[in-house]
Amino acid sequence: MFGNWRHICVDMQRMFAEDTPWRVAWLEAVSPQVIEVASRHSARTIFSRFCPPARPSDAHGMWRTYYEKWRMMTGEHLPPDMLALVPELARYCPPATLFDKQTYSPWVDGRLHARLAMQAVDTLVITGGETDVCVLATALGGIDLGYRVIILKDAVCSGADETHDASLTLLGHRFSAQVELLLTEDFLSSDPERDR
């Protein structure tokens, strides 16, 4: 039913869960669903981590301007352990794997696509945050690369309700030929290991 799939859990990191300027209040609410998928299918799980540069001057183009605004979230101010996964998910590595990125999209440098292509992966199951930023970039890049994209709509979160809702509407309607929105329970109850 789901082909050769991988679970991409987007940026469920301490810096988004704890008291920082980038805290996503919803992260805690979707964590049980994300944990359920990762715990049952840890060998199929890839945790992406958003990794800011050490200092704004290390970034290029408009990313430099971005990190001048968010200097407190660069390596010179943010403790390194804030890049770590939330503890409830970190326990699944290994067999789950980490994928560090410096942009919203995990596809920019080709490493992730090359890894998945070597494993003949054809389907991505996406959870994490934020729906309207890194999850959106992960989904759109996956679409462009030809993957079937499944978003677990109760396992993604954002700091902004309006754009979270708008992003799910966009993905579910405009990209309906390539994207499916499912509830976590429906995905897990459909026996995703059947086509293994």
C-alpha atoms as a PDB file:
ATOM      1  CA  MET A   1       0.000   0.000   0.000  1.00  0.00           C
ATOM      2  CA  PHE A   2       2.770   2.453   0.889  1.00  0.00           C
ATOM      3  CA  GLY A   3       5.620   1.055  -1.180  1.00  0.00           C
ATOM      4  CA  ASN A   4       9.190   1.518  -0.005  1.00  0.00           C
ATOM      5  CA  TRP A   5       8.661   4.377   2.433  1.00  0.00           C
ATOM      6  CA  ARG A   6      10.663   6.401   4.921  1.00  0.00           C
ATOM      7  CA  HIS A   7       9.442   8.565   7.760  1.00  0.00           C
ATOM      8  CA  ILE A   8      11.015  12.020   7.662  1.00  0.00           C
ATOM      9  CA  CYS A   9      10.541  13.670  11.033  1.00  0.00           C
ATOM     10  CA  VAL A  10      11.270  17.357  10.541  1.00  0.00           C
ATOM     11  CA  ASP A  11      13.192  19.383  13.129  1.00  0.00           C
ATOM     12  CA  MET A  12      11.792  18.038  16.401  1.00  0.00           C
ATOM     13  CA  GLN A  13      14.647  19.670  18.288  1.00  0.00           C
ATOM     14  CA  ARG A  14      15.139  21.141  21.732  1.00  0.00           C
ATOM     15  CA  MET A  15      15.501  24.679  20.332  1.00  0.00           C
ATOM     16  CA  PHE A  16      11.929  24.484  19.048  1.00  0.00           C
ATOM     17  CA  ALA A  17      10.543  22.732  22.141  1.00  0.00           C
ATOM     18  CA  GLU A  18      12.135  24.792  24.896  1.00  0.00           C
ATOM     19  CA  ASP A  19      12.234  28.442  25.932  1.00  0.00           C
ATOM     20  CA  THR A  20      13.891  30.107  22.925  1.00  0.00           C
ATOM     21  CA  PRO A  21      12.667  32.754  20.462  1.00  0.00           C
ATOM     22  CA  TRP A  22      11.900  29.889  18.050  1.00  0.00           C
ATOM     23  CA  ARG A  23       9.774  27.867  20.463  1.00  0.00           C
ATOM     24  CA  VAL A  24       6.793  26.184  18.760  1.00  0.00           C
ATOM     25  CA  ALA A  25       4.051  25.798  21.339  1.00  0.00           C
ATOM     26  CA  TRP A  26       2.248  23.132  19.317  1.00  0.00           C
ATOM     27  CA  LEU A  27       5.268  20.841  19.264  1.00  0.00           C
ATOM     28  CA  GLU A  28       4.293  19.266  22.563  1.00  0.00           C
ATOM     29  CA  ALA A  29       0.741  18.615  21.351  1.00  0.00           C
ATOM     30  CA  VAL A  30       1.819  16.647  18.260  1.00  0.00           C
ATOM     31  CA  SER A  31       4.669  14.814  19.981  1.00  0.00           C
ATOM     32  CA  PRO A  32       2.608  11.728  20.964  1.00  0.00           C
ATOM     33  CA  GLN A  33       1.724  11.059  17.316  1.00  0.00           C
ATOM     34  CA  VAL A  34       5.311  11.630  16.137  1.00  0.00           C
ATOM     35  CA  ILE A  35       6.655   9.376  18.885  1.00  0.00           C
ATOM     36  CA  GLU A  36       4.175   6.654  17.942  1.00  0.00           C
ATOM     37  CA  VAL A  37       5.418   6.575  14.335  1.00  0.00           C
ATOM     38  CA  ALA A  38       9.096   6.806  15.293  1.00  0.00           C
ATOM     39  CA  SER A  39       8.815   4.128  17.965  1.00  0.00           C
ATOM     40  CA  ARG A  40       7.045   1.633  15.720  1.00  0.00           C
ATOM     41  CA  HIS A  41       9.181   2.344  12.659  1.00  0.00           C
ATOM     42  CA  SER A  42      12.486   3.647  13.968  1.00  0.00           C
ATOM     43  CA  ALA A  43      14.536   1.835  11.310  1.00  0.00           C
ATOM     44  CA  ARG A  44      12.550   3.710   8.644  1.00  0.00           C
ATOM     45  CA  THR A  45      12.845   7.089  10.418  1.00  0.00           C
ATOM     46  CA  ILE A  46      15.118   9.950   9.407  1.00  0.00           C
ATOM     47  CA  PHE A  47      15.241  12.886  11.808  1.00  0.00           C
ATOM     48  CA  SER A  48      16.166  16.127  10.062  1.00  0.00           C
ATOM     49  CA  ARG A  49      17.775  18.826  12.196  1.00  0.00           C
ATOM     50  CA  PHE A  50      17.937  22.516  11.337  1.00  0.00           C
ATOM     51  CA  CYS A  51      21.468  23.695  12.154  1.00  0.00           C
ATOM     52  CA  PRO A  52      22.176  27.458  12.249  1.00  0.00           C
ATOM     53  CA  PRO A  53      25.715  28.663  11.493  1.00  0.00           C
ATOM     54  CA  ALA A  54      28.215  29.635  14.176  1.00  0.00           C
ATOM     55  CA  ARG A  55      27.727  33.323  13.357  1.00  0.00           C
ATOM     56  CA  PRO A  56      25.767  35.378  10.795  1.00  0.00           C
ATOM     57  CA  SER A  57      28.889  36.078   8.729  1.00  0.00           C
ATOM     58  CA  ASP A  58      29.181  32.333   8.046  1.00  0.00           C
ATOM     59  CA  ALA A  59      25.861  32.356   6.176  1.00  0.00           C
ATOM     60  CA  HIS A  60      25.478  33.341   2.513  1.00  0.00           C
ATOM     61  CA  GLY A  61      23.064  35.640   0.711  1.00  0.00           C
ATOM     62  CA  MET A  62      19.841  36.479   2.505  1.00  0.00           C
ATOM     63  CA  TRP A  63      20.591  33.844   5.118  1.00  0.00           C
ATOM     64  CA  ARG A  64      23.182  36.287   6.472  1.00  0.00           C
ATOM     65  CA  THR A  65      20.481  38.926   6.884  1.00  0.00           C
ATOM     66  CA  TYR A  66      18.213  36.319   8.460  1.00  0.00           C
ATOM     67  CA  TYR A  67      20.808  35.387  11.078  1.00  0.00           C
ATOM     68  CA  GLU A  68      21.653  39.000  11.790  1.00  0.00           C
ATOM     69  CA  LYS A  69      18.013  39.236  12.914  1.00  0.00           C
ATOM     70  CA  TRP A  70      18.201  35.930  14.800  1.00  0.00           C
ATOM     71  CA  ARG A  71      21.796  36.230  16.087  1.00  0.00           C
ATOM     72  CA  MET A  72      20.746  34.721  19.429  1.00  0.00           C
ATOM     73  CA  MET A  73      19.999  31.470  17.598  1.00  0.00           C
ATOM     74  CA  THR A  74      23.459  31.105  16.053  1.00  0.00           C
ATOM     75  CA  GLY A  75      26.211  28.928  17.428  1.00  0.00           C
ATOM     76  CA  GLU A  76      27.970  31.812  19.165  1.00  0.00           C
ATOM     77  CA  HIS A  77      24.961  32.216  21.499  1.00  0.00           C
ATOM     78  CA  LEU A  78      22.894  29.006  21.344  1.00  0.00           C
ATOM     79  CA  PRO A  79      24.250  26.078  23.390  1.00  0.00           C
ATOM     80  CA  PRO A  80      25.104  23.176  21.042  1.00  0.00           C
ATOM     81  CA  ASP A  81      22.845  20.756  22.911  1.00  0.00           C
ATOM     82  CA  MET A  82      19.826  22.826  21.831  1.00  0.00           C
ATOM     83  CA  LEU A  83      20.292  21.386  18.312  1.00  0.00           C
ATOM     84  CA  ALA A  84      19.623  17.908  19.698  1.00  0.00           C
ATOM     85  CA  LEU A  85      16.367  16.062  19.173  1.00  0.00           C
ATOM     86  CA  VAL A  86      13.863  16.238  21.997  1.00  0.00           C
ATOM     87  CA  PRO A  87      14.778  13.426  24.424  1.00  0.00           C
ATOM     88  CA  GLU A  88      11.583  11.485  23.731  1.00  0.00           C
ATOM     89  CA  LEU A  89      12.719  11.004  20.120  1.00  0.00           C
ATOM     90  CA  ALA A  90      16.503  10.896  20.567  1.00  0.00           C
ATOM     91  CA  ARG A  91      16.168   7.455  22.173  1.00  0.00           C
ATOM     92  CA  TYR A  92      15.279   5.984  18.743  1.00  0.00           C
ATOM     93  CA  CYS A  93      18.695   6.852  17.238  1.00  0.00           C
ATOM     94  CA  PRO A  94      19.903   4.299  16.241  1.00  0.00           C
ATOM     95  CA  PRO A  95      18.347   2.619  14.364  1.00  0.00           C
ATOM     96  CA  ALA A  96      16.756   5.912  13.257  1.00  0.00           C
ATOM     97  CA  THR A  97      19.233   8.243  11.558  1.00  0.00           C
ATOM     98  CA  LEU A  98      19.972  11.968  11.674  1.00  0.00           C
ATOM     99  CA  PHE A  99      20.141  14.333   8.723  1.00  0.00           C
ATOM    100  CA  ASP A 100      21.549  17.805   9.414  1.00  0.00           C
ATOM    101  CA  LYS A 101      20.645  20.702   7.123  1.00  0.00           C
ATOM    102  CA  GLN A 102      21.292  24.432   7.063  1.00  0.00           C
ATOM    103  CA  THR A 103      18.211  25.452   5.090  1.00  0.00           C
ATOM    104  CA  TYR A 104      14.489  24.879   5.392  1.00  0.00           C
ATOM    105  CA  SER A 105      14.647  22.205   2.701  1.00  0.00           C
ATOM    106  CA  PRO A 106      16.621  18.993   3.216  1.00  0.00           C
ATOM    107  CA  TRP A 107      17.015  18.579  -0.552  1.00  0.00           C
ATOM    108  CA  VAL A 108      19.284  21.516  -1.458  1.00  0.00           C
ATOM    109  CA  ASP A 109      22.660  19.741  -1.564  1.00  0.00           C
ATOM    110  CA  GLY A 110      21.382  16.412  -2.909  1.00  0.00           C
ATOM    111  CA  ARG A 111      22.642  14.238  -0.037  1.00  0.00           C
ATOM    112  CA  LEU A 112      19.242  13.107   1.212  1.00  0.00           C
ATOM    113  CA  HIS A 113      17.876  12.316  -2.235  1.00  0.00           C
ATOM    114  CA  ALA A 114      21.026  10.325  -3.070  1.00  0.00           C
ATOM    115  CA  ARG A 115      20.666   8.310   0.140  1.00  0.00           C
ATOM    116  CA  LEU A 116      17.007   7.554  -0.518  1.00  0.00           C
ATOM    117  CA  ALA A 117      17.612   6.740  -4.194  1.00  0.00           C
ATOM    118  CA  MET A 118      20.250   4.161  -3.209  1.00  0.00           C
ATOM    119  CA  GLN A 119      17.575   2.481  -1.075  1.00  0.00           C
ATOM    120  CA  ALA A 120      14.927   2.721  -3.844  1.00  0.00           C
ATOM    121  CA  VAL A 121      12.644   4.750  -1.571  1.00  0.00           C
ATOM    122  CA  ASP A 122       9.536   6.015  -3.373  1.00  0.00           C
ATOM    123  CA  THR A 123       7.327   7.341  -0.553  1.00  0.00           C
ATOM    124  CA  LEU A 124       7.875   9.893   2.212  1.00  0.00           C
ATOM    125  CA  VAL A 125       5.784  10.026   5.376  1.00  0.00           C
ATOM    126  CA  ILE A 126       6.302  13.466   6.919  1.00  0.00           C
ATOM    127  CA  THR A 127       5.838  14.641  10.510  1.00  0.00           C
ATOM    128  CA  GLY A 128       7.311  17.457  12.603  1.00  0.00           C
ATOM    129  CA  GLY A 129       7.523  21.218  12.314  1.00  0.00           C
ATOM    130  CA  GLU A 130       6.890  23.753  11.178  1.00  0.00           C
ATOM    131  CA  THR A 131       4.042  22.993   8.798  1.00  0.00           C
ATOM    132  CA  ASP A 132       4.401  26.312   6.975  1.00  0.00           C
ATOM    133  CA  VAL A 133       8.221  26.382   6.815  1.00  0.00           C
ATOM    134  CA  CYS A 134      10.429  23.268   6.965  1.00  0.00           C
ATOM    135  CA  VAL A 135       7.629  20.716   6.593  1.00  0.00           C
ATOM    136  CA  LEU A 136       6.346  22.629   3.562  1.00  0.00           C
ATOM    137  CA  ALA A 137       9.863  22.799   2.069  1.00  0.00           C
ATOM    138  CA  THR A 138      10.372  19.070   2.695  1.00  0.00           C
ATOM    139  CA  ALA A 139       7.075  18.216   1.036  1.00  0.00           C
ATOM    140  CA  LEU A 140       7.526  20.483  -2.004  1.00  0.00           C
ATOM    141  CA  GLY A 141      11.064  19.248  -2.616  1.00  0.00           C
ATOM    142  CA  GLY A 142       9.846  15.669  -2.327  1.00  0.00           C
ATOM    143  CA  ILE A 143       7.124  16.397  -4.871  1.00  0.00           C
ATOM    144  CA  ASP A 144       9.654  17.892  -7.291  1.00  0.00           C
ATOM    145  CA  LEU A 145      11.856  14.805  -6.955  1.00  0.00           C
ATOM    146  CA  GLY A 146       8.944  12.494  -7.735  1.00  0.00           C
ATOM    147  CA  TYR A 147       8.227  10.998  -4.334  1.00  0.00           C
ATOM    148  CA  ARG A 148       4.762  10.094  -3.156  1.00  0.00           C
ATOM    149  CA  VAL A 149       4.285  12.389  -0.147  1.00  0.00           C
ATOM    150  CA  ILE A 150       2.110  11.512   2.836  1.00  0.00           C
ATOM    151  CA  ILE A 151       1.694  14.138   5.536  1.00  0.00           C
ATOM    152  CA  LEU A 152       0.345  13.028   8.889  1.00  0.00           C
ATOM    153  CA  LYS A 153      -1.811  16.076   9.536  1.00  0.00           C
ATOM    154  CA  ASP A 154      -2.135  15.534  13.280  1.00  0.00           C
ATOM    155  CA  ALA A 155       1.650  15.050  13.603  1.00  0.00           C
ATOM    156  CA  VAL A 156       2.786  18.388  12.124  1.00  0.00           C
ATOM    157  CA  CYS A 157       2.822  21.713  13.937  1.00  0.00           C
ATOM    158  CA  SER A 158       3.465  25.412  13.545  1.00  0.00           C
ATOM    159  CA  GLY A 159       3.711  28.512  15.674  1.00  0.00           C
ATOM    160  CA  ALA A 160       0.993  30.151  13.577  1.00  0.00           C
ATOM    161  CA  ASP A 161      -2.455  28.578  13.301  1.00  0.00           C
ATOM    162  CA  GLU A 162      -3.518  30.479  10.189  1.00  0.00           C
ATOM    163  CA  THR A 163      -0.535  29.517   8.038  1.00  0.00           C
ATOM    164  CA  HIS A 164      -0.516  25.953   9.422  1.00  0.00           C
ATOM    165  CA  ASP A 165      -4.101  25.553   8.239  1.00  0.00           C
ATOM    166  CA  ALA A 166      -3.374  27.294   4.934  1.00  0.00           C
ATOM    167  CA  SER A 167      -0.367  25.049   4.261  1.00  0.00           C
ATOM    168  CA  LEU A 168      -2.354  21.862   4.834  1.00  0.00           C
ATOM    169  CA  THR A 169      -5.132  23.200   2.613  1.00  0.00           C
ATOM    170  CA  LEU A 170      -2.608  24.066  -0.105  1.00  0.00           C
ATOM    171  CA  LEU A 171      -0.894  20.678   0.034  1.00  0.00           C
ATOM    172  CA  GLY A 172      -4.121  18.722   0.282  1.00  0.00           C
ATOM    173  CA  HIS A 173      -5.890  20.474  -2.585  1.00  0.00           C
ATOM    174  CA  ARG A 174      -3.412  22.053  -4.984  1.00  0.00           C
ATOM    175  CA  PHE A 175      -1.055  19.055  -4.822  1.00  0.00           C
ATOM    176  CA  SER A 176      -3.691  16.353  -4.348  1.00  0.00           C
ATOM    177  CA  ALA A 177      -2.286  14.222  -7.191  1.00  0.00           C
ATOM    178  CA  GLN A 178       1.035  13.919  -5.324  1.00  0.00           C
ATOM    179  CA  VAL A 179       0.232  14.489  -1.644  1.00  0.00           C
ATOM    180  CA  GLU A 180      -2.025  12.639   0.776  1.00  0.00           C
ATOM    181  CA  LEU A 181      -3.068  13.972   4.170  1.00  0.00           C
ATOM    182  CA  LEU A 182      -3.696  11.207   6.703  1.00  0.00           C
ATOM    183  CA  LEU A 183      -4.289  10.942  10.418  1.00  0.00           C
ATOM    184  CA  THR A 184      -1.540   9.112  12.266  1.00  0.00           C
ATOM    185  CA  GLU A 185      -3.948   6.439  13.501  1.00  0.00           C
ATOM    186  CA  ASP A 186      -5.152   5.747   9.955  1.00  0.00           C
ATOM    187  CA  PHE A 187      -1.591   5.443   8.676  1.00  0.00           C
ATOM    188  CA  LEU A 188      -0.493   3.106  11.464  1.00  0.00           C
ATOM    189  CA  SER A 189      -3.638   0.976  11.359  1.00  0.00           C
ATOM    190  CA  SER A 190      -3.252   0.366   7.627  1.00  0.00           C
ATOM    191  CA  ASP A 191      -0.239  -1.910   8.228  1.00  0.00           C
ATOM    192  CA  PRO A 192       2.481   0.190   6.558  1.00  0.00           C
ATOM    193  CA  GLU A 193       4.952  -2.712   6.769  1.00  0.00           C
ATOM    194  CA  ARG A 194       2.826  -4.892   4.471  1.00  0.00           C
ATOM    195  CA  ASP A 195       4.680  -3.917   1.273  1.00  0.00           C
ATOM    196  CA  ARG A 196       8.094  -4.280   2.817  1.00  0.00           C
END
